[in-house]
Amino acid sequence: MKIFFFFHLLVFSLSFSSSIARGPLHSSLPSGIRNGSRISYSDSVRRQLFQDKPSKLSDDRAKGYMTNSDLEKAVKEFGRRCSNISRIYSIGKSVLGVPLWVIEISDKPGEEEPEPAFKFIGNVHGDEPVGRELLLRLANWICDHYMKDSLARLIVENIHLHILPSMNPDGYFLRSRGNANNIDLNRDFPDQFFPLNNDINARQPETRAVMNWLREIQFAASASLHGGALVANYPWDGTEDKRRNYYACPDDDTFRFMASVYSHSHHNMSLSKEFPGGITNGAFWYPIYGGMQDWNYIHAGCFELTLEISENKWPNANELPTLWEYNKMSLLNLAASLVKTGIHGRIFSSDSGMPLPGSVTIKGINYTVSSQPFIYLVFYCSLLLLGSSSLFCCPPAH
């Protein structure tokens, strides 16, 4: 049986669209978005495999932020208001039994289509709540603008966008970094170098929920939103010898491109004097183990970034509108890059014309992207790479 791979190549230059909201760095920026000192390497204990001591914040810091109850109401209200382009579902519950609500946005929500899926995850750390606020704003902005804004319409009509505003509602409630069991969820995933986290039954319920989620939905790409710095972080996050080095994954060029899409679409992230271009390899910054980002790429074929979107982990709520404006085009352009760039397509049988499961490998890159019959295969490939590499399509093994 012959196999055909039907694909498209679209070029999305780093100049992006004319609607990118990027401006000069101002000294009067709110504390949550000012370029300043990052977490130093001496603070890298915060990114180790084992759990940190919990950080505690006063209730005063949460004034103006949504409570978990507020968030649930906002998600359900969004589902009612935008029912024509959305679906609300839960991927599980936290330690304390709080549902992990997801908003799916698509012109055919809940249906299996030959379109790429992208996910955003916020509030992985309980004391980093900006992401959950911005992701609700993102969903509402798309709902309000998809009939009149070309970028919003492109996302709705060509992508299945899944938004998990809070992965760690218990940590948020407790004002602590970890979950209710005092476990840092971004150190709780199986790790390529250390087998400590490999027993799924020993994982936290929030971690298991995300892992099972990716078994159900084949996400092409993803991003999690954090706080404490202003930079787009990409794999690998750890090194085999635990030393701080630039440790590139097979798709390093792809990840640098994705990170640059976010950084250059941001108001001032790319202007960083600390992180050239506003991006960094995680292991070069400081290594962590058990992180969600590397697990996505290794075990789920999902290209994930870790986005540090506010140097102040918990800025005053009056800064949230500005943080939203600074990150809006970054969030939109990163999701839209699934269909604006790279190669994407489906594998068909020449005998029946039916789509098939299979995999694609690009010569020169030690990584294989697999697909189910009705799911798009998505690659981010530069023209330079395509000019010197070959594309191989492989049917499933029998």
Protein backbone atom coordinates (compact mmCIF):
# COMPACT_ATOMS: atom_id res chain seq x y z
CA MET A 1 0.00 0.00 0.00
CA LYS A 2 1.36 3.36 -0.95
CA ILE A 3 1.40 6.23 1.49
CA PHE A 4 0.93 9.85 0.54
CA PHE A 5 1.61 12.75 2.88
CA PHE A 6 -0.36 15.82 1.91
CA PHE A 7 1.17 18.90 3.46
CA HIS A 8 1.25 22.66 3.32
CA LEU A 9 4.19 24.95 3.89
CA LEU A 10 3.44 28.41 5.15
CA VAL A 11 6.02 30.99 6.03
CA PHE A 12 5.44 33.21 9.01
CA SER A 13 8.28 35.68 9.26
CA LEU A 14 9.63 36.86 12.57
CA SER A 15 8.19 40.27 11.78
CA PHE A 16 4.79 38.57 12.35
CA SER A 17 1.66 40.62 11.72
CA SER A 18 1.15 44.33 11.76
CA SER A 19 -1.00 43.97 14.86
CA ILE A 20 1.86 42.93 17.14
CA ALA A 21 1.83 44.99 20.31
CA ARG A 22 5.47 45.68 20.87
CA GLY A 23 6.82 48.93 22.26
CA PRO A 24 9.81 50.44 23.98
CA LEU A 25 10.87 49.57 27.48
CA HIS A 26 9.64 52.22 29.89
CA SER A 27 11.06 52.80 33.34
CA SER A 28 7.55 53.49 34.63
CA LEU A 29 6.31 49.96 34.02
CA PRO A 30 4.41 48.29 36.88
CA SER A 31 6.48 46.05 39.11
CA GLY A 32 5.16 42.88 37.55
CA ILE A 33 6.49 43.70 34.11
CA ARG A 34 9.65 45.68 34.66
CA ASN A 35 12.89 44.30 33.25
CA GLY A 36 15.19 43.73 36.17
CA SER A 37 17.15 41.02 37.90
CA ARG A 38 16.09 37.46 37.28
CA ILE A 39 16.21 34.54 39.63
CA SER A 40 19.89 33.91 40.12
CA TYR A 41 21.54 30.56 39.72
CA SER A 42 22.01 30.44 43.46
CA ASP A 43 18.22 30.33 43.69
CA SER A 44 18.02 27.27 41.45
CA VAL A 45 17.00 25.15 44.42
CA ARG A 46 13.53 26.39 43.46
CA ARG A 47 13.74 24.32 40.29
CA GLN A 48 15.01 21.04 41.71
CA LEU A 49 13.19 17.73 41.47
CA PHE A 50 12.39 17.66 45.16
CA GLN A 51 9.81 19.87 46.82
CA ASP A 52 10.63 23.28 48.14
CA LYS A 53 9.45 24.69 51.41
CA PRO A 54 6.07 26.29 50.76
CA SER A 55 5.93 30.00 50.21
CA LYS A 56 3.10 31.78 51.96
CA LEU A 57 1.40 34.99 50.90
CA SER A 58 -1.04 37.12 52.82
CA ASP A 59 -4.64 37.35 51.71
CA ASP A 60 -4.03 41.02 50.95
CA ARG A 61 -1.98 40.02 47.89
CA ALA A 62 -4.99 38.20 46.43
CA LYS A 63 -7.27 41.22 46.60
CA GLY A 64 -8.72 41.81 43.15
CA TYR A 65 -7.87 38.31 41.90
CA MET A 66 -10.49 35.66 41.24
CA THR A 67 -11.06 33.10 43.96
CA ASN A 68 -11.40 29.48 42.88
CA SER A 69 -15.15 29.89 43.15
CA ASP A 70 -14.99 33.04 41.03
CA LEU A 71 -12.90 31.21 38.45
CA GLU A 72 -15.35 28.33 38.20
CA LYS A 73 -18.23 30.76 37.76
CA ALA A 74 -16.29 32.69 35.11
CA VAL A 75 -15.51 29.51 33.17
CA LYS A 76 -19.12 28.33 33.24
CA GLU A 77 -20.39 31.79 32.33
CA PHE A 78 -18.01 31.82 29.39
CA GLY A 79 -19.42 28.46 28.30
CA ARG A 80 -22.95 29.86 28.33
CA ARG A 81 -22.04 33.13 26.63
CA CYS A 82 -19.90 31.54 23.91
CA SER A 83 -21.58 28.16 23.57
CA ASN A 84 -21.42 28.32 19.78
CA ILE A 85 -17.61 28.17 19.77
CA SER A 86 -16.75 26.53 23.08
CA ARG A 87 -17.01 23.50 25.30
CA ILE A 88 -16.38 23.34 29.04
CA TYR A 89 -15.05 20.13 30.58
CA SER A 90 -12.95 18.94 33.51
CA ILE A 91 -9.83 16.78 33.26
CA GLY A 92 -9.96 15.73 36.92
CA LYS A 93 -9.80 17.12 40.42
CA SER A 94 -7.17 18.54 42.73
CA VAL A 95 -6.13 17.01 46.05
CA LEU A 96 -8.90 18.99 47.76
CA GLY A 97 -11.46 18.00 45.14
CA VAL A 98 -11.54 21.18 43.07
CA PRO A 99 -12.40 20.44 39.40
CA LEU A 100 -9.68 21.27 36.88
CA TRP A 101 -11.83 23.12 34.35
CA VAL A 102 -10.85 23.45 30.70
CA ILE A 103 -12.26 25.77 28.05
CA GLU A 104 -12.09 24.44 24.50
CA ILE A 105 -12.49 27.03 21.74
CA SER A 106 -13.21 25.93 18.17
CA ASP A 107 -15.82 26.30 15.48
CA LYS A 108 -16.59 22.62 16.16
CA PRO A 109 -15.79 22.13 19.85
CA GLY A 110 -15.65 18.54 21.04
CA GLU A 111 -15.44 17.14 17.51
CA GLU A 112 -12.46 15.31 16.07
CA GLU A 113 -11.16 17.27 13.10
CA PRO A 114 -8.00 17.24 10.98
CA GLU A 115 -6.83 20.37 12.77
CA PRO A 116 -4.00 20.94 15.25
CA ALA A 117 -4.73 21.27 18.96
CA PHE A 118 -2.99 23.78 21.22
CA LYS A 119 -3.23 24.10 25.01
CA PHE A 120 -2.47 26.82 27.51
CA ILE A 121 -2.01 25.96 31.20
CA GLY A 122 -1.96 28.55 33.96
CA ASN A 123 -1.31 28.58 37.72
CA VAL A 124 0.99 25.52 37.79
CA HIS A 125 2.46 27.09 40.90
CA GLY A 126 -0.14 28.28 43.37
CA ASP A 127 1.68 31.53 44.09
CA GLU A 128 1.88 32.50 40.40
CA PRO A 129 -1.71 33.51 39.60
CA VAL A 130 -1.25 35.96 36.72
CA GLY A 131 -1.62 33.16 34.15
CA ARG A 132 -5.08 32.16 35.29
CA GLU A 133 -6.28 35.75 35.01
CA LEU A 134 -4.78 36.29 31.56
CA LEU A 135 -6.10 33.02 30.18
CA LEU A 136 -9.67 33.95 31.09
CA ARG A 137 -9.12 37.29 29.40
CA LEU A 138 -7.77 35.46 26.33
CA ALA A 139 -10.84 33.26 26.08
CA ASN A 140 -13.20 36.21 26.44
CA TRP A 141 -11.26 38.30 23.94
CA ILE A 142 -11.51 35.55 21.32
CA CYS A 143 -15.22 35.17 22.01
CA ASP A 144 -15.79 38.91 21.62
CA HIS A 145 -13.66 39.35 18.50
CA TYR A 146 -13.74 36.17 16.41
CA MET A 147 -16.41 37.54 14.08
CA LYS A 148 -14.53 40.79 13.47
CA ASP A 149 -10.81 40.06 13.99
CA SER A 150 -8.93 37.96 11.44
CA LEU A 151 -6.49 36.48 13.97
CA ALA A 152 -9.25 35.43 16.36
CA ARG A 153 -11.19 33.95 13.45
CA LEU A 154 -8.12 32.04 12.23
CA ILE A 155 -7.72 30.44 15.67
CA VAL A 156 -11.40 29.54 16.01
CA GLU A 157 -11.70 28.08 12.52
CA ASN A 158 -8.34 26.29 12.23
CA ILE A 159 -7.26 25.24 15.73
CA HIS A 160 -8.74 23.44 18.70
CA LEU A 161 -7.59 25.70 21.53
CA HIS A 162 -7.78 24.25 25.05
CA ILE A 163 -7.31 26.52 28.07
CA LEU A 164 -6.72 25.18 31.60
CA PRO A 165 -6.66 28.40 33.66
CA SER A 166 -5.58 26.73 36.90
CA MET A 167 -3.69 23.46 37.24
CA ASN A 168 -3.14 24.11 40.95
CA PRO A 169 -6.27 25.61 42.54
CA ASP A 170 -5.32 24.22 45.95
CA GLY A 171 -1.95 25.97 45.92
CA TYR A 172 -3.71 29.18 44.97
CA PHE A 173 -6.15 28.78 47.83
CA LEU A 174 -3.32 28.05 50.27
CA ARG A 175 -1.16 30.86 48.83
CA SER A 176 1.65 28.35 48.39
CA ARG A 177 3.84 27.24 45.50
CA GLY A 178 3.00 23.55 45.79
CA ASN A 179 -0.35 21.79 45.87
CA ALA A 180 -2.27 20.74 48.99
CA ASN A 181 0.30 17.98 49.55
CA ASN A 182 3.08 20.58 49.35
CA ILE A 183 4.38 19.10 46.08
CA ASP A 184 5.73 21.31 43.33
CA LEU A 185 3.72 20.14 40.31
CA ASN A 186 6.47 21.25 37.92
CA ARG A 187 8.84 18.72 39.51
CA ASP A 188 6.30 15.90 39.59
CA PHE A 189 6.41 14.56 36.01
CA PRO A 190 8.45 11.54 34.87
CA ASP A 191 11.95 12.69 34.03
CA GLN A 192 14.29 11.48 31.29
CA PHE A 193 17.33 11.41 33.57
CA PHE A 194 15.99 10.39 36.97
CA PRO A 195 13.49 7.52 37.50
CA LEU A 196 12.13 8.88 40.79
CA ASN A 197 8.92 10.16 39.20
CA ASN A 198 8.27 7.26 36.82
CA ASP A 199 5.56 5.54 38.88
CA ILE A 200 2.35 7.19 37.70
CA ASN A 201 0.49 5.92 40.77
CA ALA A 202 2.79 8.02 42.93
CA ARG A 203 2.06 11.21 40.98
CA GLN A 204 -0.14 13.96 42.34
CA PRO A 205 -3.76 13.98 41.10
CA GLU A 206 -3.17 17.23 39.20
CA THR A 207 -0.14 15.72 37.45
CA ARG A 208 -2.01 12.53 36.59
CA ALA A 209 -4.89 14.59 35.23
CA VAL A 210 -2.60 16.41 32.80
CA MET A 211 -0.85 13.18 31.77
CA ASN A 212 -4.18 11.46 31.08
CA TRP A 213 -5.39 14.56 29.23
CA LEU A 214 -2.52 14.23 26.76
CA ARG A 215 -3.34 10.57 26.22
CA GLU A 216 -6.84 11.58 25.16
CA ILE A 217 -5.96 14.59 23.00
CA GLN A 218 -2.97 14.76 20.68
CA PHE A 219 -1.74 18.31 21.22
CA ALA A 220 0.67 19.69 18.67
CA ALA A 221 2.00 22.45 20.92
CA SER A 222 1.49 23.99 24.31
CA ALA A 223 2.58 26.64 26.79
CA SER A 224 2.39 26.98 30.55
CA LEU A 225 2.28 30.41 32.18
CA HIS A 226 4.48 31.18 35.17
CA GLY A 227 5.79 34.19 37.09
CA GLY A 228 9.08 35.30 38.59
CA ALA A 229 10.87 36.40 35.42
CA LEU A 230 10.19 37.76 31.94
CA VAL A 231 11.37 35.20 29.37
CA ALA A 232 10.21 32.37 27.10
CA ASN A 233 11.87 29.15 28.24
CA TYR A 234 12.30 26.06 26.02
CA PRO A 235 13.69 22.47 26.37
CA TRP A 236 15.67 20.83 27.59
CA ASP A 237 15.03 21.91 31.16
CA GLY A 238 17.59 19.56 32.71
CA THR A 239 21.01 18.10 31.98
CA GLU A 240 22.28 14.58 32.41
CA ASP A 241 25.11 15.68 34.69
CA LYS A 242 22.96 18.21 36.60
CA ARG A 243 25.26 21.02 35.53
CA ARG A 244 24.10 24.34 34.18
CA ASN A 245 24.70 24.08 30.41
CA TYR A 246 22.87 24.83 27.19
CA TYR A 247 21.31 21.43 26.54
CA ALA A 248 19.53 21.39 23.21
CA CYS A 249 16.73 18.99 22.36
CA PRO A 250 16.49 17.57 18.80
CA ASP A 251 14.09 20.34 17.75
CA ASP A 252 16.11 23.17 19.23
CA ASP A 253 15.61 25.41 16.18
CA THR A 254 11.88 24.85 16.34
CA PHE A 255 11.69 25.72 20.01
CA ARG A 256 13.83 28.82 19.56
CA PHE A 257 11.43 29.92 16.83
CA MET A 258 8.38 29.31 19.01
CA ALA A 259 9.94 31.16 21.93
CA SER A 260 10.81 34.03 19.61
CA VAL A 261 7.24 34.20 18.35
CA TYR A 262 6.13 34.84 21.91
CA SER A 263 8.99 37.13 22.88
CA HIS A 264 8.89 39.36 19.79
CA SER A 265 5.11 39.66 19.98
CA HIS A 266 5.39 40.83 23.58
CA HIS A 267 5.59 44.49 24.54
CA ASN A 268 9.13 44.29 25.88
CA MET A 269 10.21 40.69 26.51
CA SER A 270 12.54 40.62 23.49
CA LEU A 271 14.31 43.75 24.74
CA SER A 272 15.70 41.91 27.76
CA LYS A 273 19.33 42.69 28.57
CA GLU A 274 19.57 39.49 30.56
CA PHE A 275 18.07 37.00 28.11
CA PRO A 276 19.13 37.70 24.49
CA GLY A 277 15.96 38.06 22.45
CA GLY A 278 13.89 37.36 25.56
CA ILE A 279 14.30 33.58 25.27
CA THR A 280 16.35 30.96 27.10
CA ASN A 281 17.16 27.27 27.11
CA GLY A 282 15.96 25.98 30.47
CA ALA A 283 19.07 24.02 31.37
CA PHE A 284 21.26 26.99 30.50
CA TRP A 285 19.20 29.19 32.82
CA TYR A 286 19.17 26.65 35.64
CA PRO A 287 18.33 22.94 35.45
CA ILE A 288 15.16 21.40 36.82
CA TYR A 289 13.95 17.80 36.84
CA GLY A 290 10.45 16.39 36.71
CA GLY A 291 9.22 19.36 34.69
CA MET A 292 6.05 19.32 32.60
CA GLN A 293 7.69 20.92 29.56
CA ASP A 294 10.17 18.14 28.81
CA TRP A 295 7.62 15.43 29.59
CA ASN A 296 5.23 16.90 26.98
CA TYR A 297 7.87 16.74 24.27
CA ILE A 298 9.24 13.28 25.11
CA HIS A 299 6.08 11.37 25.93
CA ALA A 300 3.26 13.22 24.17
CA GLY A 301 4.86 14.68 21.04
CA CYS A 302 3.75 18.11 22.22
CA PHE A 303 6.06 21.10 21.75
CA GLU A 304 5.72 23.03 25.01
CA LEU A 305 7.17 26.31 26.21
CA THR A 306 7.39 27.58 29.78
CA LEU A 307 6.47 31.27 29.71
CA GLU A 308 7.59 33.55 32.51
CA ILE A 309 5.22 36.45 32.03
CA SER A 310 5.68 38.62 35.13
CA GLU A 311 8.79 39.27 37.18
CA ASN A 312 6.58 39.81 40.21
CA LYS A 313 4.89 36.49 40.89
CA TRP A 314 1.88 38.10 42.49
CA PRO A 315 1.60 41.72 41.28
CA ASN A 316 -1.15 44.02 42.44
CA ALA A 317 -4.42 43.30 40.69
CA ASN A 318 -4.46 46.78 39.17
CA GLU A 319 -1.52 45.70 37.00
CA LEU A 320 -3.46 42.86 35.37
CA PRO A 321 -4.95 44.97 32.53
CA THR A 322 -1.45 46.12 31.56
CA LEU A 323 -0.06 42.60 31.79
CA TRP A 324 -2.88 41.45 29.53
CA GLU A 325 -2.10 44.09 26.93
CA TYR A 326 1.59 43.22 27.01
CA ASN A 327 0.93 39.48 26.55
CA LYS A 328 -2.20 39.47 24.38
CA MET A 329 -0.54 39.35 20.97
CA SER A 330 2.05 36.87 22.23
CA LEU A 331 -0.65 34.44 23.32
CA LEU A 332 -2.59 34.85 20.08
CA ASN A 333 0.43 34.65 17.76
CA LEU A 334 1.85 31.58 19.49
CA ALA A 335 -1.40 29.66 19.07
CA ALA A 336 -1.87 30.93 15.50
CA SER A 337 1.66 29.86 14.56
CA LEU A 338 0.35 26.28 14.34
CA VAL A 339 -1.32 27.16 11.05
CA LYS A 340 0.74 30.18 10.00
CA THR A 341 4.08 28.42 9.77
CA GLY A 342 5.80 25.08 9.37
CA ILE A 343 4.43 21.97 7.70
CA HIS A 344 1.14 20.39 8.55
CA GLY A 345 -0.97 17.79 6.84
CA ARG A 346 -2.45 14.30 6.91
CA ILE A 347 -1.28 10.86 5.84
CA PHE A 348 -3.56 9.13 3.31
CA SER A 349 -3.74 5.66 1.79
CA SER A 350 -3.38 5.72 -1.99
CA ASP A 351 -5.64 2.65 -2.17
CA SER A 352 -8.67 3.85 -0.26
CA GLY A 353 -8.03 7.57 0.09
CA MET A 354 -8.66 7.24 3.81
CA PRO A 355 -6.45 8.97 6.40
CA LEU A 356 -4.05 6.70 8.27
CA PRO A 357 -2.16 6.76 11.55
CA GLY A 358 1.55 7.11 11.01
CA SER A 359 4.65 9.09 11.77
CA VAL A 360 6.93 11.59 10.09
CA THR A 361 10.64 12.13 10.59
CA ILE A 362 12.74 14.96 9.17
CA LYS A 363 16.21 13.86 8.20
CA GLY A 364 18.78 15.43 10.45
CA ILE A 365 16.42 15.68 13.44
CA ASN A 366 16.36 12.76 15.85
CA TYR A 367 12.67 13.08 16.65
CA THR A 368 9.52 11.50 15.23
CA VAL A 369 6.05 13.05 15.19
CA SER A 370 3.20 10.52 15.26
CA SER A 371 -0.41 11.01 14.31
CA GLN A 372 -3.81 9.40 14.60
CA PRO A 373 -5.83 9.05 11.36
CA PHE A 374 -7.82 12.28 11.60
CA ILE A 375 -5.23 14.48 13.27
CA TYR A 376 -2.94 16.91 11.53
CA LEU A 377 0.77 16.39 11.79
CA VAL A 378 2.39 19.71 12.57
CA PHE A 379 6.04 20.70 12.19
CA TYR A 380 7.79 23.99 12.63
CA CYS A 381 10.53 23.96 10.00
CA SER A 382 12.52 26.83 8.62
CA LEU A 383 13.16 27.12 4.90
CA LEU A 384 16.84 26.62 5.63
CA LEU A 385 16.13 23.31 7.29
CA LEU A 386 13.87 22.19 4.46
CA GLY A 387 16.55 23.03 1.94
CA SER A 388 18.97 20.56 3.47
CA SER A 389 16.71 17.86 4.87
CA SER A 390 14.31 15.19 3.68
CA LEU A 391 10.85 14.36 4.88
CA PHE A 392 10.05 10.70 5.58
CA CYS A 393 6.53 9.32 6.08
CA CYS A 394 6.13 5.99 7.83
CA PRO A 395 2.95 3.92 8.05
CA PRO A 396 2.14 2.27 11.36
CA ALA A 397 3.85 -1.03 12.13
CA HIS A 398 1.70 -4.12 11.64
